[in-house]
Amino acid sequence: MLLTVSGYSVITTYTGRQALSAAERLKPEVAFLDIGLPDLNGYELATAIRAKPWGANMVLIAITGYGSDAERAKAINAGFNYHFTKPVGYTNLEQLLESIH
């Protein structure tokens, strides 16, 4: 809701496959992805997005409850650009989005 109020276009999905389909259809600049998704987990989803030509330059941001150093490394290895552990302050996300654009 805060992203929408800030002027961003937001699409919400609830499974990894829905997210992959939406990303392929919409080709967003930035995607916030959870790791603990049903069907495809966030690591598999990031890997699938990176395998597509349209996903090579997409900014992938993990927002997850998995915050260990090993989980952060796993996220980066799967293709995420950034990793945030829940709860994430909106100010942090806003600053990141401003730095990307």
N, C-alpha and C. Protein backbone atom coordinates (compact mmCIF):
# COMPACT_ATOMS: atom_id res chain seq x y z
N MET A 1 0.82 -1.18 0.00
CA MET A 1 0.00 0.00 0.00
C MET A 1 0.88 1.26 0.00
N LEU A 2 1.95 1.24 0.80
CA LEU A 2 2.83 2.41 0.85
C LEU A 2 3.52 2.66 -0.49
N LEU A 3 3.89 1.61 -1.18
CA LEU A 3 4.51 1.77 -2.50
C LEU A 3 3.53 2.41 -3.48
N THR A 4 2.28 1.97 -3.44
CA THR A 4 1.26 2.54 -4.32
C THR A 4 1.05 4.01 -4.02
N VAL A 5 0.94 4.36 -2.73
CA VAL A 5 0.75 5.75 -2.33
C VAL A 5 1.94 6.60 -2.77
N SER A 6 3.12 6.00 -2.82
CA SER A 6 4.33 6.72 -3.24
C SER A 6 4.44 6.83 -4.75
N GLY A 7 3.46 6.30 -5.48
CA GLY A 7 3.45 6.46 -6.93
C GLY A 7 3.95 5.28 -7.72
N TYR A 8 4.26 4.18 -7.06
CA TYR A 8 4.73 2.99 -7.77
C TYR A 8 3.55 2.13 -8.19
N SER A 9 3.70 1.47 -9.33
CA SER A 9 2.71 0.51 -9.78
C SER A 9 3.04 -0.83 -9.12
N VAL A 10 2.08 -1.43 -8.45
CA VAL A 10 2.32 -2.64 -7.68
C VAL A 10 1.38 -3.76 -8.13
N ILE A 11 1.93 -4.93 -8.34
CA ILE A 11 1.16 -6.14 -8.62
C ILE A 11 1.51 -7.13 -7.52
N THR A 12 0.50 -7.77 -6.95
CA THR A 12 0.72 -8.74 -5.89
C THR A 12 0.35 -10.12 -6.38
N THR A 13 1.23 -11.08 -6.13
CA THR A 13 0.94 -12.49 -6.42
C THR A 13 1.19 -13.28 -5.15
N TYR A 14 0.74 -14.53 -5.12
CA TYR A 14 0.81 -15.31 -3.89
C TYR A 14 1.58 -16.62 -4.02
N THR A 15 2.01 -16.95 -5.21
CA THR A 15 2.82 -18.15 -5.40
C THR A 15 3.99 -17.81 -6.31
N GLY A 16 4.98 -18.66 -6.31
CA GLY A 16 6.13 -18.46 -7.18
C GLY A 16 5.75 -18.51 -8.65
N ARG A 17 4.89 -19.44 -9.02
CA ARG A 17 4.48 -19.55 -10.43
C ARG A 17 3.68 -18.32 -10.87
N GLN A 18 2.81 -17.82 -10.00
CA GLN A 18 2.07 -16.59 -10.33
C GLN A 18 3.04 -15.43 -10.51
N ALA A 19 4.04 -15.34 -9.64
CA ALA A 19 5.02 -14.26 -9.74
C ALA A 19 5.83 -14.36 -11.03
N LEU A 20 6.23 -15.56 -11.40
CA LEU A 20 6.99 -15.75 -12.64
C LEU A 20 6.15 -15.36 -13.85
N SER A 21 4.90 -15.78 -13.86
CA SER A 21 4.00 -15.44 -14.96
C SER A 21 3.79 -13.92 -15.05
N ALA A 22 3.57 -13.29 -13.91
CA ALA A 22 3.37 -11.83 -13.89
C ALA A 22 4.64 -11.11 -14.35
N ALA A 23 5.79 -11.57 -13.89
CA ALA A 23 7.06 -10.94 -14.28
C ALA A 23 7.29 -11.08 -15.78
N GLU A 24 6.98 -12.25 -16.33
CA GLU A 24 7.16 -12.45 -17.77
C GLU A 24 6.21 -11.56 -18.57
N ARG A 25 5.01 -11.41 -18.09
CA ARG A 25 4.01 -10.60 -18.79
C ARG A 25 4.29 -9.10 -18.66
N LEU A 26 4.67 -8.65 -17.46
CA LEU A 26 4.80 -7.22 -17.19
C LEU A 26 6.23 -6.68 -17.29
N LYS A 27 7.21 -7.56 -17.14
CA LYS A 27 8.62 -7.19 -17.20
C LYS A 27 8.93 -5.95 -16.34
N PRO A 28 8.71 -6.08 -15.04
CA PRO A 28 8.95 -4.92 -14.15
C PRO A 28 10.44 -4.61 -14.03
N GLU A 29 10.74 -3.39 -13.64
CA GLU A 29 12.12 -3.00 -13.37
C GLU A 29 12.61 -3.61 -12.07
N VAL A 30 11.69 -3.71 -11.09
CA VAL A 30 12.02 -4.17 -9.74
C VAL A 30 10.99 -5.19 -9.29
N ALA A 31 11.45 -6.23 -8.60
CA ALA A 31 10.53 -7.21 -8.02
C ALA A 31 10.94 -7.48 -6.58
N PHE A 32 9.98 -7.35 -5.67
CA PHE A 32 10.16 -7.74 -4.28
C PHE A 32 9.63 -9.16 -4.16
N LEU A 33 10.48 -10.08 -3.72
CA LEU A 33 10.09 -11.48 -3.66
C LEU A 33 10.35 -12.05 -2.27
N ASP A 34 9.39 -12.83 -1.78
CA ASP A 34 9.58 -13.57 -0.54
C ASP A 34 10.34 -14.85 -0.88
N ILE A 35 11.04 -15.41 0.08
CA ILE A 35 11.74 -16.68 -0.14
C ILE A 35 10.78 -17.85 0.10
N GLY A 36 9.98 -17.77 1.15
CA GLY A 36 9.11 -18.87 1.54
C GLY A 36 7.78 -18.86 0.80
N LEU A 37 7.83 -19.07 -0.50
CA LEU A 37 6.62 -19.10 -1.33
C LEU A 37 6.15 -20.54 -1.55
N PRO A 38 4.84 -20.73 -1.74
CA PRO A 38 4.37 -22.05 -2.13
C PRO A 38 4.82 -22.36 -3.56
N ASP A 39 4.90 -23.56 -3.92
CA ASP A 39 5.33 -24.14 -5.21
C ASP A 39 6.79 -23.82 -5.50
N LEU A 40 7.15 -22.74 -6.14
CA LEU A 40 8.55 -22.35 -6.33
C LEU A 40 8.95 -21.48 -5.15
N ASN A 41 10.08 -21.76 -4.52
CA ASN A 41 10.52 -20.84 -3.46
C ASN A 41 11.21 -19.64 -4.12
N GLY A 42 11.53 -18.65 -3.33
CA GLY A 42 12.12 -17.43 -3.87
C GLY A 42 13.45 -17.64 -4.56
N TYR A 43 14.24 -18.59 -4.09
CA TYR A 43 15.52 -18.89 -4.74
C TYR A 43 15.27 -19.45 -6.14
N GLU A 44 14.34 -20.40 -6.24
CA GLU A 44 14.00 -20.98 -7.54
C GLU A 44 13.41 -19.92 -8.47
N LEU A 45 12.58 -19.06 -7.90
CA LEU A 45 11.96 -17.99 -8.69
C LEU A 45 13.01 -17.03 -9.23
N ALA A 46 13.92 -16.60 -8.38
CA ALA A 46 14.98 -15.69 -8.82
C ALA A 46 15.83 -16.34 -9.92
N THR A 47 16.16 -17.59 -9.75
CA THR A 47 16.94 -18.32 -10.75
C THR A 47 16.18 -18.39 -12.07
N ALA A 48 14.88 -18.67 -12.00
CA ALA A 48 14.05 -18.75 -13.22
C ALA A 48 13.96 -17.39 -13.91
N ILE A 49 13.81 -16.32 -13.14
CA ILE A 49 13.75 -14.98 -13.73
C ILE A 49 15.07 -14.64 -14.40
N ARG A 50 16.18 -14.92 -13.73
CA ARG A 50 17.50 -14.60 -14.29
C ARG A 50 17.79 -15.40 -15.56
N ALA A 51 17.16 -16.56 -15.72
CA ALA A 51 17.39 -17.40 -16.90
C ALA A 51 16.70 -16.85 -18.15
N LYS A 52 15.78 -15.92 -17.97
CA LYS A 52 15.05 -15.33 -19.10
C LYS A 52 15.75 -14.06 -19.57
N PRO A 53 15.77 -13.81 -20.87
CA PRO A 53 16.41 -12.58 -21.37
C PRO A 53 15.82 -11.32 -20.74
N TRP A 54 14.52 -11.29 -20.54
CA TRP A 54 13.87 -10.12 -19.95
C TRP A 54 14.17 -9.96 -18.47
N GLY A 55 14.70 -10.99 -17.82
CA GLY A 55 14.97 -10.92 -16.39
C GLY A 55 16.41 -10.63 -16.03
N ALA A 56 17.25 -10.53 -17.02
CA ALA A 56 18.69 -10.36 -16.75
C ALA A 56 19.00 -9.08 -15.98
N ASN A 57 18.30 -8.00 -16.28
CA ASN A 57 18.60 -6.71 -15.65
C ASN A 57 17.56 -6.27 -14.61
N MET A 58 16.57 -7.13 -14.35
CA MET A 58 15.56 -6.80 -13.36
C MET A 58 16.22 -6.75 -11.98
N VAL A 59 15.84 -5.79 -11.17
CA VAL A 59 16.35 -5.69 -9.81
C VAL A 59 15.49 -6.59 -8.93
N LEU A 60 16.10 -7.60 -8.34
CA LEU A 60 15.39 -8.55 -7.49
C LEU A 60 15.75 -8.29 -6.03
N ILE A 61 14.72 -8.10 -5.22
CA ILE A 61 14.89 -7.77 -3.81
C ILE A 61 14.20 -8.84 -2.98
N ALA A 62 14.96 -9.55 -2.18
CA ALA A 62 14.39 -10.55 -1.27
C ALA A 62 13.92 -9.84 -0.01
N ILE A 63 12.68 -10.11 0.37
CA ILE A 63 12.14 -9.66 1.65
C ILE A 63 11.64 -10.92 2.34
N THR A 64 12.34 -11.32 3.38
CA THR A 64 12.14 -12.65 3.93
C THR A 64 12.37 -12.71 5.43
N GLY A 65 11.89 -13.76 6.02
CA GLY A 65 12.16 -14.04 7.42
C GLY A 65 13.48 -14.77 7.61
N TYR A 66 14.08 -15.21 6.51
CA TYR A 66 15.35 -15.94 6.56
C TYR A 66 16.50 -14.94 6.52
N GLY A 67 17.14 -14.71 7.67
CA GLY A 67 18.11 -13.64 7.74
C GLY A 67 19.53 -14.03 8.09
N SER A 68 19.83 -15.32 8.12
CA SER A 68 21.19 -15.73 8.47
C SER A 68 22.16 -15.35 7.34
N ASP A 69 23.44 -15.33 7.67
CA ASP A 69 24.46 -15.05 6.65
C ASP A 69 24.39 -16.07 5.52
N ALA A 70 24.13 -17.33 5.86
CA ALA A 70 24.03 -18.38 4.84
C ALA A 70 22.84 -18.13 3.92
N GLU A 71 21.72 -17.69 4.49
CA GLU A 71 20.53 -17.40 3.68
C GLU A 71 20.77 -16.19 2.78
N ARG A 72 21.47 -15.19 3.31
CA ARG A 72 21.80 -14.01 2.48
C ARG A 72 22.68 -14.43 1.30
N ALA A 73 23.68 -15.25 1.56
CA ALA A 73 24.57 -15.73 0.49
C ALA A 73 23.79 -16.55 -0.53
N LYS A 74 22.88 -17.39 -0.04
CA LYS A 74 22.06 -18.21 -0.94
C LYS A 74 21.20 -17.32 -1.84
N ALA A 75 20.66 -16.24 -1.28
CA ALA A 75 19.85 -15.31 -2.06
C ALA A 75 20.68 -14.63 -3.15
N ILE A 76 21.84 -14.16 -2.79
CA ILE A 76 22.71 -13.50 -3.78
C ILE A 76 23.11 -14.50 -4.87
N ASN A 77 23.43 -15.72 -4.48
CA ASN A 77 23.81 -16.75 -5.45
C ASN A 77 22.66 -17.12 -6.38
N ALA A 78 21.42 -16.98 -5.91
CA ALA A 78 20.25 -17.28 -6.74
C ALA A 78 19.93 -16.15 -7.71
N GLY A 79 20.54 -14.97 -7.50
CA GLY A 79 20.32 -13.87 -8.43
C GLY A 79 19.70 -12.62 -7.83
N PHE A 80 19.45 -12.63 -6.52
CA PHE A 80 18.92 -11.42 -5.89
C PHE A 80 20.00 -10.34 -5.84
N ASN A 81 19.57 -9.10 -6.03
CA ASN A 81 20.48 -7.96 -5.90
C ASN A 81 20.59 -7.49 -4.46
N TYR A 82 19.47 -7.62 -3.72
CA TYR A 82 19.40 -7.13 -2.34
C TYR A 82 18.64 -8.14 -1.50
N HIS A 83 18.91 -8.12 -0.19
CA HIS A 83 18.26 -9.03 0.75
C HIS A 83 17.89 -8.26 2.01
N PHE A 84 16.61 -8.26 2.35
CA PHE A 84 16.12 -7.63 3.57
C PHE A 84 15.43 -8.68 4.42
N THR A 85 15.67 -8.62 5.71
CA THR A 85 15.00 -9.51 6.64
C THR A 85 13.80 -8.79 7.25
N LYS A 86 12.66 -9.47 7.29
CA LYS A 86 11.44 -8.91 7.86
C LYS A 86 11.60 -8.69 9.35
N PRO A 87 10.98 -7.68 9.89
CA PRO A 87 10.22 -6.63 9.21
C PRO A 87 11.17 -5.59 8.61
N VAL A 88 10.78 -5.04 7.50
CA VAL A 88 11.59 -4.05 6.79
C VAL A 88 10.93 -2.69 6.94
N GLY A 89 11.69 -1.70 7.34
CA GLY A 89 11.16 -0.35 7.43
C GLY A 89 10.94 0.24 6.05
N TYR A 90 9.84 0.92 5.87
CA TYR A 90 9.54 1.50 4.56
C TYR A 90 10.61 2.49 4.11
N THR A 91 11.19 3.21 5.04
CA THR A 91 12.22 4.18 4.70
C THR A 91 13.39 3.49 3.99
N ASN A 92 13.75 2.30 4.46
CA ASN A 92 14.84 1.55 3.83
C ASN A 92 14.50 1.20 2.38
N LEU A 93 13.27 0.75 2.16
CA LEU A 93 12.85 0.39 0.80
C LEU A 93 12.77 1.62 -0.10
N GLU A 94 12.25 2.70 0.45
CA GLU A 94 12.15 3.95 -0.31
C GLU A 94 13.52 4.46 -0.73
N GLN A 95 14.48 4.42 0.18
CA GLN A 95 15.84 4.86 -0.13
C GLN A 95 16.45 3.98 -1.21
N LEU A 96 16.22 2.67 -1.10
CA LEU A 96 16.75 1.76 -2.10
C LEU A 96 16.14 2.05 -3.47
N LEU A 97 14.84 2.21 -3.54
CA LEU A 97 14.17 2.49 -4.82
C LEU A 97 14.65 3.81 -5.40
N GLU A 98 14.86 4.82 -4.59
CA GLU A 98 15.37 6.10 -5.07
C GLU A 98 16.79 5.94 -5.62
N SER A 99 17.61 5.11 -4.98
CA SER A 99 18.98 4.90 -5.45
C SER A 99 19.03 4.12 -6.77
N ILE A 100 18.01 3.31 -7.01
CA ILE A 100 17.95 2.52 -8.25
C ILE A 100 17.59 3.41 -9.43
N HIS A 101 16.73 4.38 -9.21
CA HIS A 101 16.26 5.25 -10.31
C HIS A 101 17.08 6.46 -10.39
